[in-house]
All heavy atoms as atom14 arrays in JSON, in Angstrom:
{
  "sequence": "IYEHISYCGQLTSIASFPELKDRVVIINGVSKAYAMTGWRIGFCAAP",
  "atom14_mask": [
    [1, 1, 1, 1, 1, 1, 1, 1, 0, 0, 0, 0, 0, 0],
    [1, 1, 1, 1, 1, 1, 1, 1, 1, 1, 1, 1, 0, 0],
    [1, 1, 1, 1, 1, 1, 1, 1, 1, 0, 0, 0, 0, 0],
    [1, 1, 1, 1, 1, 1, 1, 1, 1, 1, 0, 0, 0, 0],
    [1, 1, 1, 1, 1, 1, 1, 1, 0, 0, 0, 0, 0, 0],
    [1, 1, 1, 1, 1, 1, 0, 0, 0, 0, 0, 0, 0, 0],
    [1, 1, 1, 1, 1, 1, 1, 1, 1, 1, 1, 1, 0, 0],
    [1, 1, 1, 1, 1, 1, 0, 0, 0, 0, 0, 0, 0, 0],
    [1, 1, 1, 1, 0, 0, 0, 0, 0, 0, 0, 0, 0, 0],
    [1, 1, 1, 1, 1, 1, 1, 1, 1, 0, 0, 0, 0, 0],
    [1, 1, 1, 1, 1, 1, 1, 1, 0, 0, 0, 0, 0, 0],
    [1, 1, 1, 1, 1, 1, 1, 0, 0, 0, 0, 0, 0, 0],
    [1, 1, 1, 1, 1, 1, 0, 0, 0, 0, 0, 0, 0, 0],
    [1, 1, 1, 1, 1, 1, 1, 1, 0, 0, 0, 0, 0, 0],
    [1, 1, 1, 1, 1, 0, 0, 0, 0, 0, 0, 0, 0, 0],
    [1, 1, 1, 1, 1, 1, 0, 0, 0, 0, 0, 0, 0, 0],
    [1, 1, 1, 1, 1, 1, 1, 1, 1, 1, 1, 0, 0, 0],
    [1, 1, 1, 1, 1, 1, 1, 0, 0, 0, 0, 0, 0, 0],
    [1, 1, 1, 1, 1, 1, 1, 1, 1, 0, 0, 0, 0, 0],
    [1, 1, 1, 1, 1, 1, 1, 1, 0, 0, 0, 0, 0, 0],
    [1, 1, 1, 1, 1, 1, 1, 1, 1, 0, 0, 0, 0, 0],
    [1, 1, 1, 1, 1, 1, 1, 1, 0, 0, 0, 0, 0, 0],
    [1, 1, 1, 1, 1, 1, 1, 1, 1, 1, 1, 0, 0, 0],
    [1, 1, 1, 1, 1, 1, 1, 0, 0, 0, 0, 0, 0, 0],
    [1, 1, 1, 1, 1, 1, 1, 0, 0, 0, 0, 0, 0, 0],
    [1, 1, 1, 1, 1, 1, 1, 1, 0, 0, 0, 0, 0, 0],
    [1, 1, 1, 1, 1, 1, 1, 1, 0, 0, 0, 0, 0, 0],
    [1, 1, 1, 1, 1, 1, 1, 1, 0, 0, 0, 0, 0, 0],
    [1, 1, 1, 1, 0, 0, 0, 0, 0, 0, 0, 0, 0, 0],
    [1, 1, 1, 1, 1, 1, 1, 0, 0, 0, 0, 0, 0, 0],
    [1, 1, 1, 1, 1, 1, 0, 0, 0, 0, 0, 0, 0, 0],
    [1, 1, 1, 1, 1, 1, 1, 1, 1, 0, 0, 0, 0, 0],
    [1, 1, 1, 1, 1, 0, 0, 0, 0, 0, 0, 0, 0, 0],
    [1, 1, 1, 1, 1, 1, 1, 1, 1, 1, 1, 1, 0, 0],
    [1, 1, 1, 1, 1, 0, 0, 0, 0, 0, 0, 0, 0, 0],
    [1, 1, 1, 1, 1, 1, 1, 1, 0, 0, 0, 0, 0, 0],
    [1, 1, 1, 1, 1, 1, 1, 0, 0, 0, 0, 0, 0, 0],
    [1, 1, 1, 1, 0, 0, 0, 0, 0, 0, 0, 0, 0, 0],
    [1, 1, 1, 1, 1, 1, 1, 1, 1, 1, 1, 1, 1, 1],
    [1, 1, 1, 1, 1, 1, 1, 1, 1, 1, 1, 0, 0, 0],
    [1, 1, 1, 1, 1, 1, 1, 1, 0, 0, 0, 0, 0, 0],
    [1, 1, 1, 1, 0, 0, 0, 0, 0, 0, 0, 0, 0, 0],
    [1, 1, 1, 1, 1, 1, 1, 1, 1, 1, 1, 0, 0, 0],
    [1, 1, 1, 1, 1, 1, 0, 0, 0, 0, 0, 0, 0, 0],
    [1, 1, 1, 1, 1, 0, 0, 0, 0, 0, 0, 0, 0, 0],
    [1, 1, 1, 1, 1, 0, 0, 0, 0, 0, 0, 0, 0, 0],
    [1, 1, 1, 1, 1, 1, 1, 0, 0, 0, 0, 0, 0, 0]
  ],
  "atom14_positions": [
    [[-46.0, 31.84, 58.15], [-46.35, 32.27, 56.8], [-47.7, 31.71, 56.34], [-48.39, 32.31, 55.51], [-45.24, 31.89, 55.79], [-45.46, 32.53, 54.42], [-45.11, 30.39, 55.66], [-45.34, 34.03, 54.4], [0.0, 0.0, 0.0], [0.0, 0.0, 0.0], [0.0, 0.0, 0.0], [0.0, 0.0, 0.0], [0.0, 0.0, 0.0], [0.0, 0.0, 0.0]],
    [[-48.13, 30.57, 56.9], [-49.43, 29.99, 56.52], [-50.54, 30.36, 57.49], [-51.6, 29.73, 57.51], [-49.31, 28.46, 56.42], [-48.41, 28.01, 55.3], [-47.07, 27.72, 55.53], [-48.89, 27.87, 54.0], [-46.23, 27.31, 54.51], [-48.06, 27.47, 52.96], [-46.72, 27.19, 53.23], [-45.89, 26.79, 52.2], [0.0, 0.0, 0.0], [0.0, 0.0, 0.0]],
    [[-50.31, 31.37, 58.29], [-51.23, 31.77, 59.36], [-52.69, 31.85, 58.92], [-53.6, 31.38, 59.61], [-50.79, 33.13, 59.91], [-51.77, 33.77, 60.87], [-51.46, 35.24, 61.13], [-50.61, 35.82, 60.42], [-52.09, 35.81, 62.03], [0.0, 0.0, 0.0], [0.0, 0.0, 0.0], [0.0, 0.0, 0.0], [0.0, 0.0, 0.0], [0.0, 0.0, 0.0]],
    [[-52.94, 32.46, 57.76], [-54.33, 32.7, 57.34], [-54.94, 31.53, 56.6], [-56.12, 31.58, 56.24], [-54.4, 33.96, 56.49], [-54.18, 35.22, 57.28], [-55.03, 35.63, 58.27], [-53.19, 36.15, 57.23], [-54.59, 36.77, 58.8], [-53.47, 37.1, 58.19], [0.0, 0.0, 0.0], [0.0, 0.0, 0.0], [0.0, 0.0, 0.0], [0.0, 0.0, 0.0]],
    [[-54.17, 30.47, 56.37], [-54.73, 29.28, 55.73], [-54.91, 28.24, 56.82], [-54.17, 27.27, 56.95], [-53.83, 28.79, 54.58], [-53.56, 29.96, 53.62], [-54.51, 27.65, 53.83], [-52.58, 29.63, 52.52], [0.0, 0.0, 0.0], [0.0, 0.0, 0.0], [0.0, 0.0, 0.0], [0.0, 0.0, 0.0], [0.0, 0.0, 0.0], [0.0, 0.0, 0.0]],
    [[-55.89, 28.51, 57.66], [-56.2, 27.67, 58.81], [-57.65, 27.22, 58.73], [-58.53, 28.0, 58.35], [-55.97, 28.45, 60.11], [-56.59, 27.81, 61.2], [0.0, 0.0, 0.0], [0.0, 0.0, 0.0], [0.0, 0.0, 0.0], [0.0, 0.0, 0.0], [0.0, 0.0, 0.0], [0.0, 0.0, 0.0], [0.0, 0.0, 0.0], [0.0, 0.0, 0.0]],
    [[-57.89, 25.96, 59.11], [-59.24, 25.42, 59.06], [-59.78, 25.13, 60.46], [-60.75, 24.39, 60.63], [-59.24, 24.13, 58.22], [-58.44, 24.28, 56.95], [-57.36, 23.44, 56.67], [-58.73, 25.29, 56.03], [-56.61, 23.6, 55.52], [-57.98, 25.46, 54.88], [-56.91, 24.61, 54.63], [-56.16, 24.78, 53.49], [0.0, 0.0, 0.0], [0.0, 0.0, 0.0]],
    [[-59.14, 25.74, 61.46], [-59.58, 25.51, 62.85], [-59.67, 26.82, 63.63], [-59.45, 26.84, 64.84], [-58.64, 24.52, 63.54], [-56.91, 25.02, 63.58], [0.0, 0.0, 0.0], [0.0, 0.0, 0.0], [0.0, 0.0, 0.0], [0.0, 0.0, 0.0], [0.0, 0.0, 0.0], [0.0, 0.0, 0.0], [0.0, 0.0, 0.0], [0.0, 0.0, 0.0]],
    [[-59.95, 27.9, 62.93], [-60.15, 29.17, 63.61], [-58.87, 29.96, 63.84], [-57.82, 29.67, 63.27], [0.0, 0.0, 0.0], [0.0, 0.0, 0.0], [0.0, 0.0, 0.0], [0.0, 0.0, 0.0], [0.0, 0.0, 0.0], [0.0, 0.0, 0.0], [0.0, 0.0, 0.0], [0.0, 0.0, 0.0], [0.0, 0.0, 0.0], [0.0, 0.0, 0.0]],
    [[-58.97, 30.95, 64.69], [-57.85, 31.85, 64.99], [-56.69, 31.1, 65.63], [-56.88, 30.28, 66.53], [-58.32, 32.96, 65.94], [-57.24, 33.96, 66.35], [-56.77, 34.83, 65.19], [-57.54, 35.16, 64.3], [-55.5, 35.19, 65.21], [0.0, 0.0, 0.0], [0.0, 0.0, 0.0], [0.0, 0.0, 0.0], [0.0, 0.0, 0.0], [0.0, 0.0, 0.0]],
    [[-55.51, 31.37, 65.15], [-54.33, 30.7, 65.66], [-53.69, 31.49, 66.8], [-53.87, 32.7, 66.92], [-53.3, 30.51, 64.55], [-53.76, 29.77, 63.31], [-52.6, 29.52, 62.37], [-54.43, 28.45, 63.67], [0.0, 0.0, 0.0], [0.0, 0.0, 0.0], [0.0, 0.0, 0.0], [0.0, 0.0, 0.0], [0.0, 0.0, 0.0], [0.0, 0.0, 0.0]],
    [[-52.92, 30.79, 67.61], [-52.15, 31.43, 68.68], [-50.69, 31.51, 68.26], [-50.12, 30.55, 67.75], [-52.24, 30.6, 69.98], [-53.61, 30.53, 70.38], [-51.41, 31.23, 71.09], [0.0, 0.0, 0.0], [0.0, 0.0, 0.0], [0.0, 0.0, 0.0], [0.0, 0.0, 0.0], [0.0, 0.0, 0.0], [0.0, 0.0, 0.0], [0.0, 0.0, 0.0]],
    [[-50.09, 32.68, 68.45], [-48.67, 32.84, 68.19], [-47.9, 32.59, 69.47], [-48.3, 33.06, 70.55], [-48.37, 34.25, 67.68], [-46.97, 34.45, 67.57], [0.0, 0.0, 0.0], [0.0, 0.0, 0.0], [0.0, 0.0, 0.0], [0.0, 0.0, 0.0], [0.0, 0.0, 0.0], [0.0, 0.0, 0.0], [0.0, 0.0, 0.0], [0.0, 0.0, 0.0]],
    [[-46.79, 31.88, 69.36], [-45.98, 31.63, 70.55], [-45.38, 32.92, 71.09], [-45.0, 33.01, 72.25], [-44.89, 30.57, 70.27], [-44.32, 30.04, 71.58], [-43.81, 31.14, 69.34], [-43.48, 28.79, 71.44], [0.0, 0.0, 0.0], [0.0, 0.0, 0.0], [0.0, 0.0, 0.0], [0.0, 0.0, 0.0], [0.0, 0.0, 0.0], [0.0, 0.0, 0.0]],
    [[-45.37, 33.95, 70.25], [-44.87, 35.25, 70.71], [-45.81, 35.9, 71.71], [-45.44, 36.87, 72.39], [-44.67, 36.19, 69.52], [0.0, 0.0, 0.0], [0.0, 0.0, 0.0], [0.0, 0.0, 0.0], [0.0, 0.0, 0.0], [0.0, 0.0, 0.0], [0.0, 0.0, 0.0], [0.0, 0.0, 0.0], [0.0, 0.0, 0.0], [0.0, 0.0, 0.0]],
    [[-47.04, 35.4, 71.83], [-48.02, 36.01, 72.73], [-47.86, 35.58, 74.19], [-48.54, 36.12, 75.05], [-49.44, 35.66, 72.26], [-49.69, 34.27, 72.36], [0.0, 0.0, 0.0], [0.0, 0.0, 0.0], [0.0, 0.0, 0.0], [0.0, 0.0, 0.0], [0.0, 0.0, 0.0], [0.0, 0.0, 0.0], [0.0, 0.0, 0.0], [0.0, 0.0, 0.0]],
    [[-46.95, 34.65, 74.47], [-46.76, 34.19, 75.84], [-45.74, 35.1, 76.54], [-44.6, 35.23, 76.09], [-46.28, 32.73, 75.87], [-47.34, 31.77, 75.39], [-47.41, 31.4, 74.05], [-48.29, 31.27, 76.26], [-48.39, 30.55, 73.59], [-49.28, 30.41, 75.82], [-49.34, 30.05, 74.48], [0.0, 0.0, 0.0], [0.0, 0.0, 0.0], [0.0, 0.0, 0.0]],
    [[-46.15, 35.75, 77.62], [-45.29, 36.75, 78.26], [-43.95, 36.2, 78.75], [-42.96, 36.94, 78.8], [-46.14, 37.25, 79.44], [-47.2, 36.23, 79.64], [-47.45, 35.63, 78.31], [0.0, 0.0, 0.0], [0.0, 0.0, 0.0], [0.0, 0.0, 0.0], [0.0, 0.0, 0.0], [0.0, 0.0, 0.0], [0.0, 0.0, 0.0], [0.0, 0.0, 0.0]],
    [[-43.88, 34.91, 79.08], [-42.61, 34.36, 79.56], [-41.55, 34.29, 78.46], [-40.37, 34.09, 78.74], [-42.82, 32.97, 80.16], [-43.45, 31.93, 79.25], [-44.96, 31.83, 79.42], [-45.61, 32.89, 79.46], [-45.47, 30.7, 79.51], [0.0, 0.0, 0.0], [0.0, 0.0, 0.0], [0.0, 0.0, 0.0], [0.0, 0.0, 0.0], [0.0, 0.0, 0.0]],
    [[-41.98, 34.48, 77.19], [-41.02, 34.48, 76.08], [-40.85, 35.86, 75.47], [-40.33, 35.99, 74.36], [-41.48, 33.49, 75.0], [-41.52, 32.01, 75.41], [-41.92, 31.15, 74.22], [-40.19, 31.55, 75.97], [0.0, 0.0, 0.0], [0.0, 0.0, 0.0], [0.0, 0.0, 0.0], [0.0, 0.0, 0.0], [0.0, 0.0, 0.0], [0.0, 0.0, 0.0]],
    [[-41.24, 36.88, 76.19], [-41.11, 38.24, 75.68], [-39.65, 38.53, 75.34], [-38.74, 38.2, 76.09], [-41.62, 39.25, 76.71], [-41.59, 40.69, 76.21], [-42.26, 41.63, 77.2], [-42.13, 43.08, 76.77], [-42.69, 43.33, 75.42], [0.0, 0.0, 0.0], [0.0, 0.0, 0.0], [0.0, 0.0, 0.0], [0.0, 0.0, 0.0], [0.0, 0.0, 0.0]],
    [[-39.44, 39.14, 74.18], [-38.11, 39.5, 73.69], [-37.26, 38.29, 73.33], [-36.03, 38.39, 73.24], [-37.35, 40.37, 74.7], [-38.02, 41.71, 74.94], [-38.64, 42.24, 73.98], [-37.97, 42.22, 76.07], [0.0, 0.0, 0.0], [0.0, 0.0, 0.0], [0.0, 0.0, 0.0], [0.0, 0.0, 0.0], [0.0, 0.0, 0.0], [0.0, 0.0, 0.0]],
    [[-37.92, 37.14, 73.09], [-37.16, 35.95, 72.7], [-37.76, 35.24, 71.5], [-37.31, 34.16, 71.13], [-37.07, 34.98, 73.89], [-36.21, 35.49, 75.02], [-36.26, 34.56, 76.21], [-36.0, 33.19, 75.82], [-36.36, 32.13, 76.53], [-37.02, 32.29, 77.67], [-36.08, 30.9, 76.13], [0.0, 0.0, 0.0], [0.0, 0.0, 0.0], [0.0, 0.0, 0.0]],
    [[-38.79, 35.84, 70.9], [-39.44, 35.22, 69.74], [-39.3, 36.13, 68.52], [-39.5, 37.34, 68.61], [-40.94, 34.95, 70.0], [-41.61, 34.37, 68.76], [-41.11, 34.01, 71.18], [0.0, 0.0, 0.0], [0.0, 0.0, 0.0], [0.0, 0.0, 0.0], [0.0, 0.0, 0.0], [0.0, 0.0, 0.0], [0.0, 0.0, 0.0], [0.0, 0.0, 0.0]],
    [[-38.95, 35.5, 67.4], [-38.93, 36.19, 66.11], [-40.06, 35.62, 65.27], [-40.11, 34.41, 65.02], [-37.59, 35.98, 65.37], [-37.63, 36.68, 64.01], [-36.42, 36.48, 66.21], [0.0, 0.0, 0.0], [0.0, 0.0, 0.0], [0.0, 0.0, 0.0], [0.0, 0.0, 0.0], [0.0, 0.0, 0.0], [0.0, 0.0, 0.0], [0.0, 0.0, 0.0]],
    [[-40.99, 36.47, 64.86], [-42.08, 36.04, 63.99], [-41.66, 36.25, 62.54], [-41.13, 37.3, 62.17], [-43.37, 36.83, 64.27], [-43.95, 36.45, 65.62], [-44.41, 36.58, 63.17], [-45.21, 37.23, 65.99], [0.0, 0.0, 0.0], [0.0, 0.0, 0.0], [0.0, 0.0, 0.0], [0.0, 0.0, 0.0], [0.0, 0.0, 0.0], [0.0, 0.0, 0.0]],
    [[-41.9, 35.21, 61.74], [-41.68, 35.29, 60.29], [-43.04, 35.2, 59.61], [-43.84, 34.31, 59.91], [-40.79, 34.13, 59.79], [-39.43, 34.12, 60.51], [-40.62, 34.2, 58.28], [-38.53, 35.28, 60.18], [0.0, 0.0, 0.0], [0.0, 0.0, 0.0], [0.0, 0.0, 0.0], [0.0, 0.0, 0.0], [0.0, 0.0, 0.0], [0.0, 0.0, 0.0]],
    [[-43.3, 36.11, 58.68], [-44.56, 36.08, 57.96], [-44.39, 36.85, 56.65], [-43.29, 37.32, 56.35], [-45.7, 36.65, 58.82], [-47.05, 36.02, 58.51], [-47.33, 35.66, 57.36], [-47.88, 35.87, 59.53], [0.0, 0.0, 0.0], [0.0, 0.0, 0.0], [0.0, 0.0, 0.0], [0.0, 0.0, 0.0], [0.0, 0.0, 0.0], [0.0, 0.0, 0.0]],
    [[-45.45, 36.97, 55.91], [-45.37, 37.67, 54.63], [-46.67, 37.59, 53.88], [-47.67, 37.05, 54.38], [0.0, 0.0, 0.0], [0.0, 0.0, 0.0], [0.0, 0.0, 0.0], [0.0, 0.0, 0.0], [0.0, 0.0, 0.0], [0.0, 0.0, 0.0], [0.0, 0.0, 0.0], [0.0, 0.0, 0.0], [0.0, 0.0, 0.0], [0.0, 0.0, 0.0]],
    [[-46.67, 38.09, 52.65], [-47.91, 38.19, 51.88], [-48.08, 37.08, 50.85], [-49.13, 36.98, 50.22], [-47.98, 39.56, 51.15], [-48.03, 40.7, 52.15], [-46.8, 39.74, 50.19], [0.0, 0.0, 0.0], [0.0, 0.0, 0.0], [0.0, 0.0, 0.0], [0.0, 0.0, 0.0], [0.0, 0.0, 0.0], [0.0, 0.0, 0.0], [0.0, 0.0, 0.0]],
    [[-47.07, 36.24, 50.68], [-47.08, 35.28, 49.58], [-48.28, 34.35, 49.59], [-48.97, 34.19, 48.56], [-45.8, 34.43, 49.61], [-44.67, 35.21, 49.34], [0.0, 0.0, 0.0], [0.0, 0.0, 0.0], [0.0, 0.0, 0.0], [0.0, 0.0, 0.0], [0.0, 0.0, 0.0], [0.0, 0.0, 0.0], [0.0, 0.0, 0.0], [0.0, 0.0, 0.0]],
    [[-48.55, 33.7, 50.71], [-49.58, 32.67, 50.75], [-50.98, 33.25, 50.96], [-51.92, 32.89, 50.26], [-49.26, 31.66, 51.87], [-47.82, 31.2, 51.92], [-47.36, 30.47, 50.67], [-45.94, 29.94, 50.84], [-45.42, 29.26, 49.65], [0.0, 0.0, 0.0], [0.0, 0.0, 0.0], [0.0, 0.0, 0.0], [0.0, 0.0, 0.0], [0.0, 0.0, 0.0]],
    [[-51.13, 34.15, 51.94], [-52.45, 34.67, 52.28], [-53.05, 35.52, 51.18], [-54.28, 35.53, 50.99], [-52.38, 35.48, 53.58], [0.0, 0.0, 0.0], [0.0, 0.0, 0.0], [0.0, 0.0, 0.0], [0.0, 0.0, 0.0], [0.0, 0.0, 0.0], [0.0, 0.0, 0.0], [0.0, 0.0, 0.0], [0.0, 0.0, 0.0], [0.0, 0.0, 0.0]],
    [[-52.22, 36.25, 50.45], [-52.72, 37.19, 49.45], [-52.37, 36.8, 48.01], [-52.53, 37.6, 47.1], [-52.18, 38.6, 49.74], [-52.56, 39.12, 51.1], [-51.69, 38.97, 52.19], [-53.8, 39.74, 51.33], [-52.03, 39.44, 53.46], [-54.15, 40.2, 52.59], [-53.26, 40.04, 53.65], [-53.61, 40.5, 54.9], [0.0, 0.0, 0.0], [0.0, 0.0, 0.0]],
    [[-51.9, 35.56, 47.82], [-51.53, 35.08, 46.48], [-50.53, 36.03, 45.83], [-50.72, 36.51, 44.71], [-52.77, 34.91, 45.6], [0.0, 0.0, 0.0], [0.0, 0.0, 0.0], [0.0, 0.0, 0.0], [0.0, 0.0, 0.0], [0.0, 0.0, 0.0], [0.0, 0.0, 0.0], [0.0, 0.0, 0.0], [0.0, 0.0, 0.0], [0.0, 0.0, 0.0]],
    [[-49.44, 36.31, 46.55], [-48.43, 37.27, 46.09], [-47.03, 36.66, 46.09], [-46.06, 37.32, 46.41], [-48.46, 38.52, 46.97], [-49.74, 39.32, 46.87], [-49.78, 40.74, 48.01], [-48.49, 41.78, 47.32], [0.0, 0.0, 0.0], [0.0, 0.0, 0.0], [0.0, 0.0, 0.0], [0.0, 0.0, 0.0], [0.0, 0.0, 0.0], [0.0, 0.0, 0.0]],
    [[-46.92, 35.4, 45.68], [-45.62, 34.72, 45.75], [-44.53, 35.46, 44.96], [-43.41, 35.59, 45.42], [-45.73, 33.28, 45.24], [-46.39, 33.27, 43.97], [-46.52, 32.42, 46.22], [0.0, 0.0, 0.0], [0.0, 0.0, 0.0], [0.0, 0.0, 0.0], [0.0, 0.0, 0.0], [0.0, 0.0, 0.0], [0.0, 0.0, 0.0], [0.0, 0.0, 0.0]],
    [[-44.88, 35.92, 43.77], [-43.88, 36.57, 42.92], [-43.52, 37.98, 43.32], [-42.52, 38.53, 42.84], [0.0, 0.0, 0.0], [0.0, 0.0, 0.0], [0.0, 0.0, 0.0], [0.0, 0.0, 0.0], [0.0, 0.0, 0.0], [0.0, 0.0, 0.0], [0.0, 0.0, 0.0], [0.0, 0.0, 0.0], [0.0, 0.0, 0.0], [0.0, 0.0, 0.0]],
    [[-44.27, 38.57, 44.22], [-43.98, 39.94, 44.66], [-42.79, 39.97, 45.61], [-42.17, 41.02, 45.78], [-45.21, 40.55, 45.35], [-46.4, 40.7, 44.46], [-47.3, 39.72, 44.11], [-46.84, 41.88, 43.78], [-48.26, 40.23, 43.28], [-48.0, 41.56, 43.07], [-46.35, 43.19, 43.74], [-48.68, 42.49, 42.3], [-47.04, 44.13, 42.98], [-48.19, 43.78, 42.27]],
    [[-42.51, 38.85, 46.26], [-41.35, 38.67, 47.13], [-41.3, 39.65, 48.29], [-40.34, 40.43, 48.45], [-40.03, 38.74, 46.33], [-39.93, 37.82, 45.15], [-40.33, 36.37, 45.42], [-39.57, 35.76, 46.5], [-40.13, 35.05, 47.49], [-41.44, 34.86, 47.54], [-39.37, 34.53, 48.43], [0.0, 0.0, 0.0], [0.0, 0.0, 0.0], [0.0, 0.0, 0.0]],
    [[-42.33, 39.59, 49.13], [-42.36, 40.43, 50.33], [-42.65, 39.56, 51.55], [-43.7, 38.92, 51.65], [-43.43, 41.54, 50.25], [-43.11, 42.52, 49.12], [-43.54, 42.28, 51.58], [-41.88, 43.39, 49.36], [0.0, 0.0, 0.0], [0.0, 0.0, 0.0], [0.0, 0.0, 0.0], [0.0, 0.0, 0.0], [0.0, 0.0, 0.0], [0.0, 0.0, 0.0]],
    [[-41.69, 39.53, 52.46], [-41.87, 38.87, 53.75], [-41.29, 39.76, 54.82], [-40.69, 40.8, 54.52], [0.0, 0.0, 0.0], [0.0, 0.0, 0.0], [0.0, 0.0, 0.0], [0.0, 0.0, 0.0], [0.0, 0.0, 0.0], [0.0, 0.0, 0.0], [0.0, 0.0, 0.0], [0.0, 0.0, 0.0], [0.0, 0.0, 0.0], [0.0, 0.0, 0.0]],
    [[-41.47, 39.37, 56.08], [-40.91, 40.2, 57.14], [-40.54, 39.35, 58.35], [-41.02, 38.22, 58.52], [-41.9, 41.3, 57.56], [-43.13, 40.82, 58.29], [-43.11, 40.55, 59.66], [-44.34, 40.64, 57.61], [-44.25, 40.12, 60.33], [-45.48, 40.2, 58.28], [-45.43, 39.94, 59.64], [0.0, 0.0, 0.0], [0.0, 0.0, 0.0], [0.0, 0.0, 0.0]],
    [[-39.66, 39.91, 59.15], [-39.44, 39.37, 60.49], [-39.8, 40.45, 61.49], [-39.58, 41.65, 61.24], [-37.99, 38.91, 60.69], [-36.75, 40.21, 60.83], [0.0, 0.0, 0.0], [0.0, 0.0, 0.0], [0.0, 0.0, 0.0], [0.0, 0.0, 0.0], [0.0, 0.0, 0.0], [0.0, 0.0, 0.0], [0.0, 0.0, 0.0], [0.0, 0.0, 0.0]],
    [[-40.43, 40.03, 62.58], [-40.71, 40.92, 63.71], [-39.93, 40.34, 64.87], [-40.16, 39.19, 65.27], [-42.21, 40.96, 64.0], [0.0, 0.0, 0.0], [0.0, 0.0, 0.0], [0.0, 0.0, 0.0], [0.0, 0.0, 0.0], [0.0, 0.0, 0.0], [0.0, 0.0, 0.0], [0.0, 0.0, 0.0], [0.0, 0.0, 0.0], [0.0, 0.0, 0.0]],
    [[-39.0, 41.11, 65.41], [-38.0, 40.53, 66.29], [-37.66, 41.45, 67.45], [-37.96, 42.66, 67.42], [-36.74, 40.24, 65.48], [0.0, 0.0, 0.0], [0.0, 0.0, 0.0], [0.0, 0.0, 0.0], [0.0, 0.0, 0.0], [0.0, 0.0, 0.0], [0.0, 0.0, 0.0], [0.0, 0.0, 0.0], [0.0, 0.0, 0.0], [0.0, 0.0, 0.0]],
    [[-37.0, 40.91, 68.47], [-36.42, 41.78, 69.5], [-35.56, 42.84, 68.82], [-34.94, 42.58, 67.77], [-35.57, 40.8, 70.32], [-36.26, 39.48, 70.15], [-36.76, 39.48, 68.74], [0.0, 0.0, 0.0], [0.0, 0.0, 0.0], [0.0, 0.0, 0.0], [0.0, 0.0, 0.0], [0.0, 0.0, 0.0], [0.0, 0.0, 0.0], [0.0, 0.0, 0.0]]
  ]
}
């Protein structure tokens, strides 16, 4: 969820490692990056 609030450049997602394909659930949303806490929108990307 804090992906875009990084001070060391582009981050790596653990979902990008092929040995973990179909075993990672990514959680993210718009609250922190877009200042939308009260809008209440998040998502999971999953197998």
